[in-house]
Amino acid sequence: MTRSSPTTAQPIVIFGGFLSFTMLYWDMHDALAQLTGQPVHIVEMRGHDWIPSIAPPGWIPLLRKLERTVHQAVRESPTGKVTLIGHSAGGLLGRLYLSPKPFLGHTYRGLEYVDHLITLGTPHYDRRKLLYGGWLTRWVNNRYPGAYFAPQVKYTSVAGKVLRGNPHGNLRERHVYVFYKEVLGEGEVWGDGLVPVESALLEGAQQIILEGVSHFTGFGGPWYGAAEVVPRWWNIATQDHPSGEGDKVLVIN
């Protein structure tokens, strides 16, 4: 793996997705540490930590875990900032964490500590009414739509493109057709096996589509955190690009 050449050794914080736990992100941690030479932290998480998050009060323990990890990373940051990577639902909570406004009595002020938010397979747009994902998505989008805190924070959204829904296809294609349709309203679209491409591309953000990349291991291809995939999105996401280039879709083969 070729090491990138960052301008600073700014720490990286990884925030996992719904029902995830810490060890699932060890490979991503190691790949980023080797690629960048920068300190990498994972927000400590157990799968059952996410169960209360079906309602807004349940988001608080997750946000506090993120807050503690970011504050720890900031103490060793030469810039006083960190790069935050949110996988799946972690990207939605990362967007909420940035806000300087109180959330249920607590203010996290992530805007003071994060200067780049990278989301991986995050369902930024979700039509579901009653399920966890749709509720969190609508709540965040109603208050902090798109790349809300840009240009103070750079936003990069990454979508995997590995499986297209097909109501007449094989079992997996039929399954994702139903799920994509629930999320997006249209099932015959491409996605990472869980989140449709269109859902994962945040309005106003730098947008990256990765061909052949899945939401997680077992979804039909190497996932965002695989050692061979990490450089494909990291090297593009961390390149300087002129302001106003949000929404420019880069398709990476």
C-alpha atoms as a PDB file:
ATOM      1  CA  MET A   1       0.000   0.000   0.000  1.00  0.00           C
ATOM      2  CA  THR A   2       1.380   3.414  -0.955  1.00  0.00           C
ATOM      3  CA  ARG A   3       1.392   5.980   1.838  1.00  0.00           C
ATOM      4  CA  SER A   4      -0.347   9.254   1.102  1.00  0.00           C
ATOM      5  CA  SER A   5       1.295  12.558   1.979  1.00  0.00           C
ATOM      6  CA  PRO A   6      -1.066  14.567   4.209  1.00  0.00           C
ATOM      7  CA  THR A   7      -0.185  18.159   5.000  1.00  0.00           C
ATOM      8  CA  THR A   8      -0.614  17.411   8.717  1.00  0.00           C
ATOM      9  CA  ALA A   9      -0.735  14.346  10.924  1.00  0.00           C
ATOM     10  CA  GLN A  10      -4.329  15.134  11.852  1.00  0.00           C
ATOM     11  CA  PRO A  11      -6.055  12.279  13.694  1.00  0.00           C
ATOM     12  CA  ILE A  12      -8.821  10.235  12.080  1.00  0.00           C
ATOM     13  CA  VAL A  13     -11.901   9.045  13.987  1.00  0.00           C
ATOM     14  CA  ILE A  14     -14.022   6.123  12.734  1.00  0.00           C
ATOM     15  CA  PHE A  15     -17.669   5.991  13.827  1.00  0.00           C
ATOM     16  CA  GLY A  16     -19.418   2.730  12.953  1.00  0.00           C
ATOM     17  CA  GLY A  17     -22.943   1.981  11.801  1.00  0.00           C
ATOM     18  CA  PHE A  18     -26.154   0.551  13.185  1.00  0.00           C
ATOM     19  CA  LEU A  19     -25.639  -2.618  15.300  1.00  0.00           C
ATOM     20  CA  SER A  20     -21.905  -2.526  14.586  1.00  0.00           C
ATOM     21  CA  PHE A  21     -19.135  -3.187  17.071  1.00  0.00           C
ATOM     22  CA  THR A  22     -15.546  -2.039  17.318  1.00  0.00           C
ATOM     23  CA  MET A  23     -13.678  -5.042  15.938  1.00  0.00           C
ATOM     24  CA  LEU A  24     -15.528  -4.770  12.604  1.00  0.00           C
ATOM     25  CA  TYR A  25     -13.454  -1.651  11.880  1.00  0.00           C
ATOM     26  CA  TRP A  26     -10.006  -2.932  12.801  1.00  0.00           C
ATOM     27  CA  ASP A  27      -9.087  -3.592   9.163  1.00  0.00           C
ATOM     28  CA  MET A  28     -10.152  -0.067   8.187  1.00  0.00           C
ATOM     29  CA  HIS A  29      -8.178   1.290  11.141  1.00  0.00           C
ATOM     30  CA  ASP A  30      -5.027  -0.547  10.110  1.00  0.00           C
ATOM     31  CA  ALA A  31      -5.402   0.366   6.438  1.00  0.00           C
ATOM     32  CA  LEU A  32      -5.811   4.062   7.234  1.00  0.00           C
ATOM     33  CA  ALA A  33      -2.919   4.073   9.707  1.00  0.00           C
ATOM     34  CA  GLN A  34      -0.617   2.437   7.161  1.00  0.00           C
ATOM     35  CA  LEU A  35      -1.795   4.620   4.290  1.00  0.00           C
ATOM     36  CA  THR A  36      -1.631   7.958   6.079  1.00  0.00           C
ATOM     37  CA  GLY A  37       0.769   7.614   9.002  1.00  0.00           C
ATOM     38  CA  GLN A  38      -1.855   9.513  11.009  1.00  0.00           C
ATOM     39  CA  PRO A  39      -3.321   8.488  14.391  1.00  0.00           C
ATOM     40  CA  VAL A  40      -6.563   6.558  13.921  1.00  0.00           C
ATOM     41  CA  HIS A  41      -9.242   6.102  16.592  1.00  0.00           C
ATOM     42  CA  ILE A  42     -12.355   3.927  16.553  1.00  0.00           C
ATOM     43  CA  VAL A  43     -15.378   4.923  18.627  1.00  0.00           C
ATOM     44  CA  GLU A  44     -15.749   1.983  21.026  1.00  0.00           C
ATOM     45  CA  MET A  45     -19.070   0.328  20.323  1.00  0.00           C
ATOM     46  CA  ARG A  46     -21.002  -2.846  21.011  1.00  0.00           C
ATOM     47  CA  GLY A  47     -23.918  -3.971  18.885  1.00  0.00           C
ATOM     48  CA  HIS A  48     -26.490  -3.615  21.652  1.00  0.00           C
ATOM     49  CA  ASP A  49     -25.446   0.022  22.196  1.00  0.00           C
ATOM     50  CA  TRP A  50     -27.539   0.801  19.106  1.00  0.00           C
ATOM     51  CA  ILE A  51     -30.773  -0.846  20.234  1.00  0.00           C
ATOM     52  CA  PRO A  52     -32.106   2.216  22.163  1.00  0.00           C
ATOM     53  CA  SER A  53     -31.382   4.393  19.119  1.00  0.00           C
ATOM     54  CA  ILE A  54     -34.760   3.579  17.569  1.00  0.00           C
ATOM     55  CA  ALA A  55     -35.882   6.810  19.312  1.00  0.00           C
ATOM     56  CA  PRO A  56     -34.040  10.162  19.594  1.00  0.00           C
ATOM     57  CA  PRO A  57     -33.136   9.819  23.312  1.00  0.00           C
ATOM     58  CA  GLY A  58     -31.260   6.663  22.353  1.00  0.00           C
ATOM     59  CA  TRP A  59     -28.952   8.688  20.113  1.00  0.00           C
ATOM     60  CA  ILE A  60     -27.478  10.467  23.146  1.00  0.00           C
ATOM     61  CA  PRO A  61     -25.256   7.595  24.432  1.00  0.00           C
ATOM     62  CA  LEU A  62     -23.880   7.111  20.906  1.00  0.00           C
ATOM     63  CA  LEU A  63     -23.164  10.814  20.480  1.00  0.00           C
ATOM     64  CA  ARG A  64     -21.434  10.892  23.852  1.00  0.00           C
ATOM     65  CA  LYS A  65     -19.205   7.992  22.851  1.00  0.00           C
ATOM     66  CA  LEU A  66     -18.332   9.884  19.681  1.00  0.00           C
ATOM     67  CA  GLU A  67     -17.728  13.055  21.677  1.00  0.00           C
ATOM     68  CA  ARG A  68     -15.298  11.322  24.071  1.00  0.00           C
ATOM     69  CA  THR A  69     -13.338   9.776  21.227  1.00  0.00           C
ATOM     70  CA  VAL A  70     -13.107  13.045  19.283  1.00  0.00           C
ATOM     71  CA  HIS A  71     -11.932  14.935  22.377  1.00  0.00           C
ATOM     72  CA  GLN A  72      -9.287  12.290  22.999  1.00  0.00           C
ATOM     73  CA  ALA A  73      -8.090  12.548  19.385  1.00  0.00           C
ATOM     74  CA  VAL A  74      -8.084  16.371  19.429  1.00  0.00           C
ATOM     75  CA  ARG A  75      -5.612  16.364  22.334  1.00  0.00           C
ATOM     76  CA  GLU A  76      -2.976  14.884  20.006  1.00  0.00           C
ATOM     77  CA  SER A  77      -3.949  16.904  16.930  1.00  0.00           C
ATOM     78  CA  PRO A  78      -1.521  19.550  15.646  1.00  0.00           C
ATOM     79  CA  THR A  79      -4.456  21.325  13.995  1.00  0.00           C
ATOM     80  CA  GLY A  80      -6.907  21.025  16.880  1.00  0.00           C
ATOM     81  CA  LYS A  81      -9.189  19.197  14.420  1.00  0.00           C
ATOM     82  CA  VAL A  82      -9.950  15.638  13.342  1.00  0.00           C
ATOM     83  CA  THR A  83     -11.217  13.933  10.207  1.00  0.00           C
ATOM     84  CA  LEU A  84     -14.427  12.059  11.046  1.00  0.00           C
ATOM     85  CA  ILE A  85     -15.409   8.969   9.057  1.00  0.00           C
ATOM     86  CA  GLY A  86     -18.989   7.769   9.546  1.00  0.00           C
ATOM     87  CA  HIS A  87     -20.043   4.396   8.173  1.00  0.00           C
ATOM     88  CA  SER A  88     -23.743   3.888   7.428  1.00  0.00           C
ATOM     89  CA  ALA A  89     -25.862   5.367  10.262  1.00  0.00           C
ATOM     90  CA  GLY A  90     -22.648   6.666  11.826  1.00  0.00           C
ATOM     91  CA  GLY A  91     -22.560   9.238   9.044  1.00  0.00           C
ATOM     92  CA  LEU A  92     -26.011  10.537   9.980  1.00  0.00           C
ATOM     93  CA  LEU A  93     -25.094  10.873  13.644  1.00  0.00           C
ATOM     94  CA  GLY A  94     -21.844  12.495  12.547  1.00  0.00           C
ATOM     95  CA  ARG A  95     -23.856  15.189  10.764  1.00  0.00           C
ATOM     96  CA  LEU A  96     -25.889  15.740  13.942  1.00  0.00           C
ATOM     97  CA  TYR A  97     -22.750  15.816  16.112  1.00  0.00           C
ATOM     98  CA  LEU A  98     -21.420  18.817  14.179  1.00  0.00           C
ATOM     99  CA  SER A  99     -24.246  21.072  15.340  1.00  0.00           C
ATOM    100  CA  PRO A 100     -23.548  23.841  17.884  1.00  0.00           C
ATOM    101  CA  LYS A 101     -27.222  23.767  18.910  1.00  0.00           C
ATOM    102  CA  PRO A 102     -28.400  21.738  21.928  1.00  0.00           C
ATOM    103  CA  PHE A 103     -29.838  18.291  21.302  1.00  0.00           C
ATOM    104  CA  LEU A 104     -32.118  17.105  24.132  1.00  0.00           C
ATOM    105  CA  GLY A 105     -30.279  19.272  26.609  1.00  0.00           C
ATOM    106  CA  HIS A 106     -26.696  18.645  25.532  1.00  0.00           C
ATOM    107  CA  THR A 107     -24.491  20.536  23.091  1.00  0.00           C
ATOM    108  CA  TYR A 108     -21.753  18.562  21.323  1.00  0.00           C
ATOM    109  CA  ARG A 109     -20.225  21.348  19.188  1.00  0.00           C
ATOM    110  CA  GLY A 110     -18.498  18.955  16.818  1.00  0.00           C
ATOM    111  CA  LEU A 111     -18.104  21.870  14.446  1.00  0.00           C
ATOM    112  CA  GLU A 112     -15.241  23.057  16.665  1.00  0.00           C
ATOM    113  CA  TYR A 113     -13.336  19.784  16.311  1.00  0.00           C
ATOM    114  CA  VAL A 114     -14.158  18.301  12.883  1.00  0.00           C
ATOM    115  CA  ASP A 115     -13.060  19.893   9.618  1.00  0.00           C
ATOM    116  CA  HIS A 116     -13.844  16.965   7.285  1.00  0.00           C
ATOM    117  CA  LEU A 117     -16.737  14.514   7.475  1.00  0.00           C
ATOM    118  CA  ILE A 118     -16.501  11.466   5.209  1.00  0.00           C
ATOM    119  CA  THR A 119     -19.578   9.246   5.036  1.00  0.00           C
ATOM    120  CA  LEU A 120     -19.460   5.685   3.699  1.00  0.00           C
ATOM    121  CA  GLY A 121     -22.723   4.092   2.548  1.00  0.00           C
ATOM    122  CA  THR A 122     -24.779   6.450   4.702  1.00  0.00           C
ATOM    123  CA  PRO A 123     -28.518   6.551   3.911  1.00  0.00           C
ATOM    124  CA  HIS A 124     -28.746  10.349   3.709  1.00  0.00           C
ATOM    125  CA  TYR A 125     -32.145  10.063   1.999  1.00  0.00           C
ATOM    126  CA  ASP A 126     -34.616   7.456   3.261  1.00  0.00           C
ATOM    127  CA  ARG A 127     -38.346   7.418   2.551  1.00  0.00           C
ATOM    128  CA  ARG A 128     -39.227   4.849   5.220  1.00  0.00           C
ATOM    129  CA  LYS A 129     -41.774   6.197   7.697  1.00  0.00           C
ATOM    130  CA  LEU A 130     -41.590   4.039  10.787  1.00  0.00           C
ATOM    131  CA  LEU A 131     -38.208   2.345  10.763  1.00  0.00           C
ATOM    132  CA  TYR A 132     -35.097   3.571  12.538  1.00  0.00           C
ATOM    133  CA  GLY A 133     -33.213   4.711   9.445  1.00  0.00           C
ATOM    134  CA  GLY A 134     -35.989   6.846   8.006  1.00  0.00           C
ATOM    135  CA  TRP A 135     -36.655   8.589  11.312  1.00  0.00           C
ATOM    136  CA  LEU A 136     -33.032   9.545  11.931  1.00  0.00           C
ATOM    137  CA  THR A 137     -32.566  10.630   8.312  1.00  0.00           C
ATOM    138  CA  ARG A 138     -35.594  12.908   8.330  1.00  0.00           C
ATOM    139  CA  TRP A 139     -34.669  14.396  11.697  1.00  0.00           C
ATOM    140  CA  VAL A 140     -31.164  15.306  10.539  1.00  0.00           C
ATOM    141  CA  ASN A 141     -32.243  16.502   7.075  1.00  0.00           C
ATOM    142  CA  ASN A 142     -34.979  18.726   8.472  1.00  0.00           C
ATOM    143  CA  ARG A 143     -32.487  20.569  10.680  1.00  0.00           C
ATOM    144  CA  TYR A 144     -29.136  20.296   8.898  1.00  0.00           C
ATOM    145  CA  PRO A 145     -29.848  19.542   5.210  1.00  0.00           C
ATOM    146  CA  GLY A 146     -27.057  18.667   2.826  1.00  0.00           C
ATOM    147  CA  ALA A 147     -23.550  19.941   3.491  1.00  0.00           C
ATOM    148  CA  TYR A 148     -25.030  22.309   6.050  1.00  0.00           C
ATOM    149  CA  PHE A 149     -21.823  23.484   7.750  1.00  0.00           C
ATOM    150  CA  ALA A 150     -19.720  23.857   4.593  1.00  0.00           C
ATOM    151  CA  PRO A 151     -17.272  25.380   3.930  1.00  0.00           C
ATOM    152  CA  GLN A 152     -16.229  25.290   7.603  1.00  0.00           C
ATOM    153  CA  VAL A 153     -16.511  21.520   7.306  1.00  0.00           C
ATOM    154  CA  LYS A 154     -15.665  19.663   4.126  1.00  0.00           C
ATOM    155  CA  TYR A 155     -18.213  16.942   3.340  1.00  0.00           C
ATOM    156  CA  THR A 156     -17.453  13.845   1.277  1.00  0.00           C
ATOM    157  CA  SER A 157     -20.099  11.177   0.650  1.00  0.00           C
ATOM    158  CA  VAL A 158     -19.077   7.781  -0.718  1.00  0.00           C
ATOM    159  CA  ALA A 159     -21.481   5.284  -2.309  1.00  0.00           C
ATOM    160  CA  GLY A 160     -20.779   1.704  -3.303  1.00  0.00           C
ATOM    161  CA  LYS A 161     -22.127   0.308  -6.558  1.00  0.00           C
ATOM    162  CA  VAL A 162     -22.126  -3.474  -6.494  1.00  0.00           C
ATOM    163  CA  LEU A 163     -25.686  -4.762  -6.924  1.00  0.00           C
ATOM    164  CA  ARG A 164     -28.704  -3.590  -8.912  1.00  0.00           C
ATOM    165  CA  GLY A 165     -32.188  -4.444  -7.749  1.00  0.00           C
ATOM    166  CA  ASN A 166     -34.213  -6.625 -10.093  1.00  0.00           C
ATOM    167  CA  PRO A 167     -37.712  -7.941  -9.269  1.00  0.00           C
ATOM    168  CA  HIS A 168     -37.166 -10.815 -11.730  1.00  0.00           C
ATOM    169  CA  GLY A 169     -33.513 -11.559 -10.954  1.00  0.00           C
ATOM    170  CA  ASN A 170     -31.803 -13.976  -8.610  1.00  0.00           C
ATOM    171  CA  LEU A 171     -32.635 -14.146  -4.908  1.00  0.00           C
ATOM    172  CA  ARG A 172     -30.182 -11.433  -3.894  1.00  0.00           C
ATOM    173  CA  GLU A 173     -31.276  -9.082  -6.693  1.00  0.00           C
ATOM    174  CA  ARG A 174     -34.921  -9.543  -5.722  1.00  0.00           C
ATOM    175  CA  HIS A 175     -34.109  -8.927  -2.073  1.00  0.00           C
ATOM    176  CA  VAL A 176     -32.252  -5.677  -2.696  1.00  0.00           C
ATOM    177  CA  TYR A 177     -34.971  -4.581  -5.119  1.00  0.00           C
ATOM    178  CA  VAL A 178     -37.484  -4.660  -2.252  1.00  0.00           C
ATOM    179  CA  PHE A 179     -35.139  -2.946   0.179  1.00  0.00           C
ATOM    180  CA  TYR A 180     -33.960  -0.258  -2.251  1.00  0.00           C
ATOM    181  CA  LYS A 181     -37.592   0.476  -3.121  1.00  0.00           C
ATOM    182  CA  GLU A 182     -38.473   0.944   0.552  1.00  0.00           C
ATOM    183  CA  VAL A 183     -35.588   3.366   1.020  1.00  0.00           C
ATOM    184  CA  LEU A 184     -35.705   5.279  -2.272  1.00  0.00           C
ATOM    185  CA  GLY A 185     -39.108   4.582  -3.793  1.00  0.00           C
ATOM    186  CA  GLU A 186     -37.479   2.833  -6.760  1.00  0.00           C
ATOM    187  CA  GLY A 187     -36.004  -0.658  -6.650  1.00  0.00           C
ATOM    188  CA  GLU A 188     -34.339  -1.084 -10.049  1.00  0.00           C
ATOM    189  CA  VAL A 189     -31.314   0.988  -9.065  1.00  0.00           C
ATOM    190  CA  TRP A 190     -27.706   0.362  -8.128  1.00  0.00           C
ATOM    191  CA  GLY A 191     -26.468   0.277  -4.557  1.00  0.00           C
ATOM    192  CA  ASP A 192     -23.989  -1.275  -2.160  1.00  0.00           C
ATOM    193  CA  GLY A 193     -26.295  -4.177  -1.324  1.00  0.00           C
ATOM    194  CA  LEU A 194     -28.027  -2.229   1.438  1.00  0.00           C
ATOM    195  CA  VAL A 195     -28.077   1.489   0.579  1.00  0.00           C
ATOM    196  CA  PRO A 196     -28.916   2.762  -2.939  1.00  0.00           C
ATOM    197  CA  VAL A 197     -26.285   4.955  -4.588  1.00  0.00           C
ATOM    198  CA  GLU A 198     -28.640   7.926  -4.819  1.00  0.00           C
ATOM    199  CA  SER A 199     -29.441   7.670  -1.105  1.00  0.00           C
ATOM    200  CA  ALA A 200     -25.756   7.690  -0.122  1.00  0.00           C
ATOM    201  CA  LEU A 201     -24.772  10.825  -2.096  1.00  0.00           C
ATOM    202  CA  LEU A 202     -25.286  13.885   0.100  1.00  0.00           C
ATOM    203  CA  GLU A 203     -26.399  17.069  -1.619  1.00  0.00           C
ATOM    204  CA  GLY A 204     -23.663  19.703  -1.598  1.00  0.00           C
ATOM    205  CA  ALA A 205     -20.935  17.228  -0.678  1.00  0.00           C
ATOM    206  CA  GLN A 206     -18.075  15.910  -2.736  1.00  0.00           C
ATOM    207  CA  GLN A 207     -19.579  12.677  -4.099  1.00  0.00           C
ATOM    208  CA  ILE A 208     -17.697   9.474  -4.891  1.00  0.00           C
ATOM    209  CA  ILE A 209     -19.140   6.277  -6.395  1.00  0.00           C
ATOM    210  CA  LEU A 210     -17.020   3.144  -6.004  1.00  0.00           C
ATOM    211  CA  GLU A 211     -17.648   0.428  -8.569  1.00  0.00           C
ATOM    212  CA  GLY A 212     -17.833  -3.071  -7.083  1.00  0.00           C
ATOM    213  CA  VAL A 213     -17.838  -1.962  -3.432  1.00  0.00           C
ATOM    214  CA  SER A 214     -20.413  -3.234  -0.944  1.00  0.00           C
ATOM    215  CA  HIS A 215     -21.889  -1.971   2.311  1.00  0.00           C
ATOM    216  CA  PHE A 216     -20.143  -4.589   4.375  1.00  0.00           C
ATOM    217  CA  THR A 217     -18.502  -7.998   4.116  1.00  0.00           C
ATOM    218  CA  GLY A 218     -20.940 -10.521   2.640  1.00  0.00           C
ATOM    219  CA  PHE A 219     -22.913  -8.009   0.569  1.00  0.00           C
ATOM    220  CA  GLY A 220     -21.387  -9.056  -2.758  1.00  0.00           C
ATOM    221  CA  GLY A 221     -17.965  -7.426  -2.928  1.00  0.00           C
ATOM    222  CA  PRO A 222     -15.174  -5.917  -0.861  1.00  0.00           C
ATOM    223  CA  TRP A 223     -16.594  -3.346   1.534  1.00  0.00           C
ATOM    224  CA  TYR A 224     -15.603   0.278   2.195  1.00  0.00           C
ATOM    225  CA  GLY A 225     -13.205  -0.705   4.979  1.00  0.00           C
ATOM    226  CA  ALA A 226     -11.300  -3.411   3.106  1.00  0.00           C
ATOM    227  CA  ALA A 227      -7.570  -2.743   2.818  1.00  0.00           C
ATOM    228  CA  GLU A 228      -7.713  -2.629  -0.987  1.00  0.00           C
ATOM    229  CA  VAL A 229     -10.712  -0.258  -0.994  1.00  0.00           C
ATOM    230  CA  VAL A 230      -9.668   2.338   1.597  1.00  0.00           C
ATOM    231  CA  PRO A 231      -7.126   4.113  -0.682  1.00  0.00           C
ATOM    232  CA  ARG A 232      -9.741   4.375  -3.455  1.00  0.00           C
ATOM    233  CA  TRP A 233     -11.922   6.746  -1.452  1.00  0.00           C
ATOM    234  CA  TRP A 234      -9.387   8.251   0.942  1.00  0.00           C
ATOM    235  CA  ASN A 235      -6.976   9.539  -1.698  1.00  0.00           C
ATOM    236  CA  ILE A 236      -9.804  11.248  -3.605  1.00  0.00           C
ATOM    237  CA  ALA A 237     -11.608  12.546  -0.513  1.00  0.00           C
ATOM    238  CA  THR A 238      -8.494  14.210   0.879  1.00  0.00           C
ATOM    239  CA  GLN A 239      -7.440  15.937  -2.322  1.00  0.00           C
ATOM    240  CA  ASP A 240      -7.916  19.678  -2.302  1.00  0.00           C
ATOM    241  CA  HIS A 241     -10.670  20.830  -4.634  1.00  0.00           C
ATOM    242  CA  PRO A 242     -12.009  24.300  -5.294  1.00  0.00           C
ATOM    243  CA  SER A 243     -15.048  25.481  -3.369  1.00  0.00           C
ATOM    244  CA  GLY A 244     -18.256  25.012  -5.306  1.00  0.00           C
ATOM    245  CA  GLU A 245     -17.315  21.522  -6.507  1.00  0.00           C
ATOM    246  CA  GLY A 246     -19.795  19.879  -4.183  1.00  0.00           C
ATOM    247  CA  ASP A 247     -22.196  17.490  -5.931  1.00  0.00           C
ATOM    248  CA  LYS A 248     -19.538  16.634  -8.515  1.00  0.00           C
ATOM    249  CA  VAL A 249     -19.788  12.860  -8.877  1.00  0.00           C
ATOM    250  CA  LEU A 250     -16.534  10.979  -9.256  1.00  0.00           C
ATOM    251  CA  VAL A 251     -16.914   7.359 -10.375  1.00  0.00           C
ATOM    252  CA  ILE A 252     -13.935   5.275  -9.264  1.00  0.00           C
ATOM    253  CA  ASN A 253     -13.423   1.947 -11.002  1.00  0.00           C
END
